[in-house]
């Protein structure tokens, strides 16, 4: 199955497929070639560990998960150079109540340049076209001020505090 792609002002967002997810785990150079991006020693970004990669790969064995799992974010710097910037997406399609969860991580050298805001806005725009989506949630660390500001700019509000005071739950409405 071919990849689902979105364009934002500066980024190309590519939905992970099972083939991409498998290559990312088993042969990173093949993964970079499949995306036509410059190889990066610091890939994947923080918070994207082996458990997260395996989870995504397993879920993408079901083609219906396409778009509802991870996306890679690519900066097409110029006609010859394309570079990975971040990784993020959803934790699955809308559940029975219409809820989805979004998460994201950026390569540290790309932080503070608006890439996460741009990618999250693009992903939300795609997801909110689905009338099944009634609520979007996200989690941040209590001291994750940049991520919290990003979510606020995207229309999220703090939900009730979780049992874990180190984690904050955010929510926003979905499709009308």
C-alpha atoms as a PDB file:
ATOM      1  CA  UNK A   1       0.000   0.000   0.000  1.00  0.00           C
ATOM      2  CA  UNK A   2       1.351   3.426  -0.891  1.00  0.00           C
ATOM      3  CA  UNK A   3       1.967   6.005   1.789  1.00  0.00           C
ATOM      4  CA  UNK A   4      -0.581   8.656   2.731  1.00  0.00           C
ATOM      5  CA  UNK A   5       1.020  12.108   2.470  1.00  0.00           C
ATOM      6  CA  UNK A   6       0.063  15.577   3.659  1.00  0.00           C
ATOM      7  CA  UNK A   7       1.738  18.898   2.881  1.00  0.00           C
ATOM      8  CA  UNK A   8       2.011  21.827   5.260  1.00  0.00           C
ATOM      9  CA  UNK A   9       3.793  25.101   4.607  1.00  0.00           C
ATOM     10  CA  UNK A  10       7.269  23.653   5.282  1.00  0.00           C
ATOM     11  CA  UNK A  11       6.760  19.935   5.820  1.00  0.00           C
ATOM     12  CA  UNK A  12       5.750  16.740   4.134  1.00  0.00           C
ATOM     13  CA  UNK A  13       3.932  14.419   6.555  1.00  0.00           C
ATOM     14  CA  UNK A  14       4.064  10.737   5.603  1.00  0.00           C
ATOM     15  CA  UNK A  15       1.833   8.202   7.323  1.00  0.00           C
ATOM     16  CA  UNK A  16       3.790   5.157   8.372  1.00  0.00           C
ATOM     17  CA  UNK A  17       2.943   1.958   6.532  1.00  0.00           C
ATOM     18  CA  UNK A  18       3.725  -1.539   7.730  1.00  0.00           C
ATOM     19  CA  UNK A  19       6.647  -1.671   5.283  1.00  0.00           C
ATOM     20  CA  UNK A  20       8.076   1.630   6.556  1.00  0.00           C
ATOM     21  CA  UNK A  21       7.597   0.601  10.186  1.00  0.00           C
ATOM     22  CA  UNK A  22       9.317  -2.725   9.551  1.00  0.00           C
ATOM     23  CA  UNK A  23      12.252  -1.062   7.781  1.00  0.00           C
ATOM     24  CA  UNK A  24      12.602   1.467  10.609  1.00  0.00           C
ATOM     25  CA  UNK A  25      13.105  -1.399  13.051  1.00  0.00           C
ATOM     26  CA  UNK A  26      15.035  -3.893  10.926  1.00  0.00           C
ATOM     27  CA  UNK A  27      17.063  -1.795   8.468  1.00  0.00           C
ATOM     28  CA  UNK A  28      17.242   1.948   9.141  1.00  0.00           C
ATOM     29  CA  UNK A  29      19.215   2.677   5.967  1.00  0.00           C
ATOM     30  CA  UNK A  30      16.407   1.051   3.949  1.00  0.00           C
ATOM     31  CA  UNK A  31      13.901   3.155   5.912  1.00  0.00           C
ATOM     32  CA  UNK A  32      15.792   6.336   4.980  1.00  0.00           C
ATOM     33  CA  UNK A  33      15.981   5.242   1.333  1.00  0.00           C
ATOM     34  CA  UNK A  34      12.258   4.449   1.226  1.00  0.00           C
ATOM     35  CA  UNK A  35      11.534   8.018   2.344  1.00  0.00           C
ATOM     36  CA  UNK A  36      14.305   9.544   0.183  1.00  0.00           C
ATOM     37  CA  UNK A  37      15.726  11.354   3.206  1.00  0.00           C
ATOM     38  CA  UNK A  38      19.237  12.000   4.439  1.00  0.00           C
ATOM     39  CA  UNK A  39      20.241   9.335   7.014  1.00  0.00           C
ATOM     40  CA  UNK A  40      20.362  10.582  10.623  1.00  0.00           C
ATOM     41  CA  UNK A  41      22.306   8.996  13.449  1.00  0.00           C
ATOM     42  CA  UNK A  42      19.958  10.660  15.967  1.00  0.00           C
ATOM     43  CA  UNK A  43      16.789   9.082  14.532  1.00  0.00           C
ATOM     44  CA  UNK A  44      14.252   8.341  15.990  1.00  0.00           C
ATOM     45  CA  UNK A  45      13.542  11.402  18.154  1.00  0.00           C
ATOM     46  CA  UNK A  46      13.236  11.339  21.955  1.00  0.00           C
ATOM     47  CA  UNK A  47      10.283   9.419  23.434  1.00  0.00           C
ATOM     48  CA  UNK A  48      10.148   7.114  20.405  1.00  0.00           C
ATOM     49  CA  UNK A  49      11.695   3.961  21.822  1.00  0.00           C
ATOM     50  CA  UNK A  50      11.806   0.355  20.591  1.00  0.00           C
ATOM     51  CA  UNK A  51       8.499  -0.400  22.318  1.00  0.00           C
ATOM     52  CA  UNK A  52       6.755   2.466  20.478  1.00  0.00           C
ATOM     53  CA  UNK A  53       8.256   1.414  17.140  1.00  0.00           C
ATOM     54  CA  UNK A  54       7.166  -2.195  17.624  1.00  0.00           C
ATOM     55  CA  UNK A  55       3.669  -1.119  18.706  1.00  0.00           C
ATOM     56  CA  UNK A  56       3.313   0.938  15.520  1.00  0.00           C
ATOM     57  CA  UNK A  57       4.619  -1.883  13.333  1.00  0.00           C
ATOM     58  CA  UNK A  58       2.194  -4.388  14.869  1.00  0.00           C
ATOM     59  CA  UNK A  59      -0.807  -2.069  14.507  1.00  0.00           C
ATOM     60  CA  UNK A  60       0.044  -1.266  10.886  1.00  0.00           C
ATOM     61  CA  UNK A  61      -0.247  -4.940   9.938  1.00  0.00           C
ATOM     62  CA  UNK A  62      -3.940  -3.937   9.678  1.00  0.00           C
ATOM     63  CA  UNK A  63      -4.232  -1.612   6.642  1.00  0.00           C
ATOM     64  CA  UNK A  64      -7.204   0.149   8.270  1.00  0.00           C
ATOM     65  CA  UNK A  65      -4.744   1.718  10.724  1.00  0.00           C
ATOM     66  CA  UNK A  66      -3.084   3.751   7.926  1.00  0.00           C
ATOM     67  CA  UNK A  67      -3.065   7.381   9.021  1.00  0.00           C
ATOM     68  CA  UNK A  68      -4.250   6.531  12.529  1.00  0.00           C
ATOM     69  CA  UNK A  69      -0.777   5.592  13.739  1.00  0.00           C
ATOM     70  CA  UNK A  70       2.566   7.370  13.419  1.00  0.00           C
ATOM     71  CA  UNK A  71       3.586   9.843  10.740  1.00  0.00           C
ATOM     72  CA  UNK A  72       7.121  10.961   9.911  1.00  0.00           C
ATOM     73  CA  UNK A  73       7.710  14.639   9.315  1.00  0.00           C
ATOM     74  CA  UNK A  74      10.088  15.563   6.504  1.00  0.00           C
ATOM     75  CA  UNK A  75      11.632  18.937   5.756  1.00  0.00           C
ATOM     76  CA  UNK A  76      12.251  19.131   1.993  1.00  0.00           C
ATOM     77  CA  UNK A  77      15.171  21.530   2.479  1.00  0.00           C
ATOM     78  CA  UNK A  78      15.828  21.867  -1.258  1.00  0.00           C
ATOM     79  CA  UNK A  79      15.487  19.878  -4.477  1.00  0.00           C
ATOM     80  CA  UNK A  80      18.212  17.448  -3.393  1.00  0.00           C
ATOM     81  CA  UNK A  81      18.054  17.317   0.398  1.00  0.00           C
ATOM     82  CA  UNK A  82      15.183  15.978   2.489  1.00  0.00           C
ATOM     83  CA  UNK A  83      15.589  15.614   6.240  1.00  0.00           C
ATOM     84  CA  UNK A  84      13.527  13.972   8.976  1.00  0.00           C
ATOM     85  CA  UNK A  85      12.306  16.457  11.583  1.00  0.00           C
ATOM     86  CA  UNK A  86       9.873  14.636  13.839  1.00  0.00           C
ATOM     87  CA  UNK A  87       7.538  11.745  14.443  1.00  0.00           C
ATOM     88  CA  UNK A  88       3.996  11.802  15.707  1.00  0.00           C
ATOM     89  CA  UNK A  89       0.443  10.913  15.068  1.00  0.00           C
ATOM     90  CA  UNK A  90      -2.355   9.016  16.689  1.00  0.00           C
ATOM     91  CA  UNK A  91      -2.806   6.047  18.970  1.00  0.00           C
ATOM     92  CA  UNK A  92      -5.369   4.455  16.667  1.00  0.00           C
ATOM     93  CA  UNK A  93      -8.602   5.364  14.895  1.00  0.00           C
ATOM     94  CA  UNK A  94     -11.529   6.868  16.814  1.00  0.00           C
ATOM     95  CA  UNK A  95     -12.809   4.558  19.529  1.00  0.00           C
ATOM     96  CA  UNK A  96     -16.501   3.870  20.183  1.00  0.00           C
ATOM     97  CA  UNK A  97     -16.885   7.259  21.886  1.00  0.00           C
ATOM     98  CA  UNK A  98     -15.137   9.063  19.010  1.00  0.00           C
ATOM     99  CA  UNK A  99     -11.940   9.740  20.941  1.00  0.00           C
ATOM    100  CA  UNK A 100      -8.431   9.804  19.485  1.00  0.00           C
ATOM    101  CA  UNK A 101      -5.089  10.519  21.131  1.00  0.00           C
ATOM    102  CA  UNK A 102      -2.331  12.537  19.487  1.00  0.00           C
ATOM    103  CA  UNK A 103       1.343  12.496  20.427  1.00  0.00           C
ATOM    104  CA  UNK A 104       4.552  13.791  18.898  1.00  0.00           C
ATOM    105  CA  UNK A 105       8.300  14.113  19.279  1.00  0.00           C
ATOM    106  CA  UNK A 106      10.804  16.335  17.520  1.00  0.00           C
ATOM    107  CA  UNK A 107      14.517  15.942  16.913  1.00  0.00           C
ATOM    108  CA  UNK A 108      16.186  18.222  19.498  1.00  0.00           C
ATOM    109  CA  UNK A 109      18.051  20.356  16.949  1.00  0.00           C
ATOM    110  CA  UNK A 110      14.682  21.234  15.320  1.00  0.00           C
ATOM    111  CA  UNK A 111      12.932  22.346  18.532  1.00  0.00           C
ATOM    112  CA  UNK A 112      11.740  25.925  18.879  1.00  0.00           C
ATOM    113  CA  UNK A 113      11.299  26.483  15.144  1.00  0.00           C
ATOM    114  CA  UNK A 114       7.551  25.832  14.884  1.00  0.00           C
ATOM    115  CA  UNK A 115       7.813  22.431  13.192  1.00  0.00           C
ATOM    116  CA  UNK A 116       5.815  20.602  15.870  1.00  0.00           C
ATOM    117  CA  UNK A 117       3.045  23.226  15.755  1.00  0.00           C
ATOM    118  CA  UNK A 118       2.894  22.976  11.983  1.00  0.00           C
ATOM    119  CA  UNK A 119       2.839  19.167  11.952  1.00  0.00           C
ATOM    120  CA  UNK A 120       0.255  18.875  14.743  1.00  0.00           C
ATOM    121  CA  UNK A 121      -2.008  21.381  12.980  1.00  0.00           C
ATOM    122  CA  UNK A 122      -1.708  19.368   9.761  1.00  0.00           C
ATOM    123  CA  UNK A 123      -2.441  16.078  11.496  1.00  0.00           C
ATOM    124  CA  UNK A 124      -5.421  17.526  13.360  1.00  0.00           C
ATOM    125  CA  UNK A 125      -6.761  19.003  10.127  1.00  0.00           C
ATOM    126  CA  UNK A 126      -6.605  15.554   8.531  1.00  0.00           C
ATOM    127  CA  UNK A 127      -8.129  13.705  11.507  1.00  0.00           C
ATOM    128  CA  UNK A 128     -10.919  16.198  12.177  1.00  0.00           C
ATOM    129  CA  UNK A 129     -12.294  15.675   8.666  1.00  0.00           C
ATOM    130  CA  UNK A 130     -13.455  12.276   9.943  1.00  0.00           C
ATOM    131  CA  UNK A 131     -16.948  12.776  11.425  1.00  0.00           C
ATOM    132  CA  UNK A 132     -16.322   9.909  13.869  1.00  0.00           C
ATOM    133  CA  UNK A 133     -13.827  12.082  15.784  1.00  0.00           C
ATOM    134  CA  UNK A 134     -15.622  13.732  18.708  1.00  0.00           C
ATOM    135  CA  UNK A 135     -12.713  14.368  21.092  1.00  0.00           C
ATOM    136  CA  UNK A 136      -8.945  14.581  20.774  1.00  0.00           C
ATOM    137  CA  UNK A 137      -6.716  14.073  23.801  1.00  0.00           C
ATOM    138  CA  UNK A 138      -3.006  14.534  24.410  1.00  0.00           C
ATOM    139  CA  UNK A 139      -0.682  14.105  27.378  1.00  0.00           C
ATOM    140  CA  UNK A 140       2.226  16.333  28.342  1.00  0.00           C
ATOM    141  CA  UNK A 141       4.664  16.345  31.178  1.00  0.00           C
ATOM    142  CA  UNK A 142       3.678  18.872  33.863  1.00  0.00           C
ATOM    143  CA  UNK A 143       6.872  20.819  33.137  1.00  0.00           C
ATOM    144  CA  UNK A 144       6.558  20.524  29.334  1.00  0.00           C
ATOM    145  CA  UNK A 145       5.732  24.184  28.780  1.00  0.00           C
ATOM    146  CA  UNK A 146       6.489  24.296  25.052  1.00  0.00           C
ATOM    147  CA  UNK A 147       4.260  21.303  24.356  1.00  0.00           C
ATOM    148  CA  UNK A 148       1.517  22.757  26.527  1.00  0.00           C
ATOM    149  CA  UNK A 149       1.625  26.080  24.658  1.00  0.00           C
ATOM    150  CA  UNK A 150       1.479  24.185  21.353  1.00  0.00           C
ATOM    151  CA  UNK A 151      -1.666  22.344  22.468  1.00  0.00           C
ATOM    152  CA  UNK A 152      -3.291  25.552  23.731  1.00  0.00           C
ATOM    153  CA  UNK A 153      -2.688  27.188  20.332  1.00  0.00           C
ATOM    154  CA  UNK A 154      -4.421  24.194  18.735  1.00  0.00           C
ATOM    155  CA  UNK A 155      -7.543  24.663  20.864  1.00  0.00           C
ATOM    156  CA  UNK A 156      -6.792  22.143  23.612  1.00  0.00           C
ATOM    157  CA  UNK A 157      -7.675  22.831  27.235  1.00  0.00           C
ATOM    158  CA  UNK A 158      -6.459  21.158  30.402  1.00  0.00           C
ATOM    159  CA  UNK A 159      -8.690  18.321  31.513  1.00  0.00           C
ATOM    160  CA  UNK A 160      -8.995  17.108  35.079  1.00  0.00           C
ATOM    161  CA  UNK A 161      -5.645  16.419  36.694  1.00  0.00           C
ATOM    162  CA  UNK A 162      -4.561  12.798  36.486  1.00  0.00           C
ATOM    163  CA  UNK A 163      -3.507  10.687  39.455  1.00  0.00           C
ATOM    164  CA  UNK A 164       0.057  11.202  38.269  1.00  0.00           C
ATOM    165  CA  UNK A 165       0.828  14.870  38.984  1.00  0.00           C
ATOM    166  CA  UNK A 166       3.767  14.729  36.554  1.00  0.00           C
ATOM    167  CA  UNK A 167       1.403  14.211  33.589  1.00  0.00           C
ATOM    168  CA  UNK A 168      -1.237  16.619  32.279  1.00  0.00           C
ATOM    169  CA  UNK A 169      -4.197  15.524  30.142  1.00  0.00           C
ATOM    170  CA  UNK A 170      -5.362  17.909  27.413  1.00  0.00           C
ATOM    171  CA  UNK A 171      -8.549  17.717  25.335  1.00  0.00           C
ATOM    172  CA  UNK A 172     -10.410  19.434  22.537  1.00  0.00           C
ATOM    173  CA  UNK A 173     -13.582  18.779  20.614  1.00  0.00           C
ATOM    174  CA  UNK A 174     -13.589  16.981  17.323  1.00  0.00           C
ATOM    175  CA  UNK A 175     -15.590  17.221  14.122  1.00  0.00           C
ATOM    176  CA  UNK A 176     -18.853  19.114  14.299  1.00  0.00           C
END
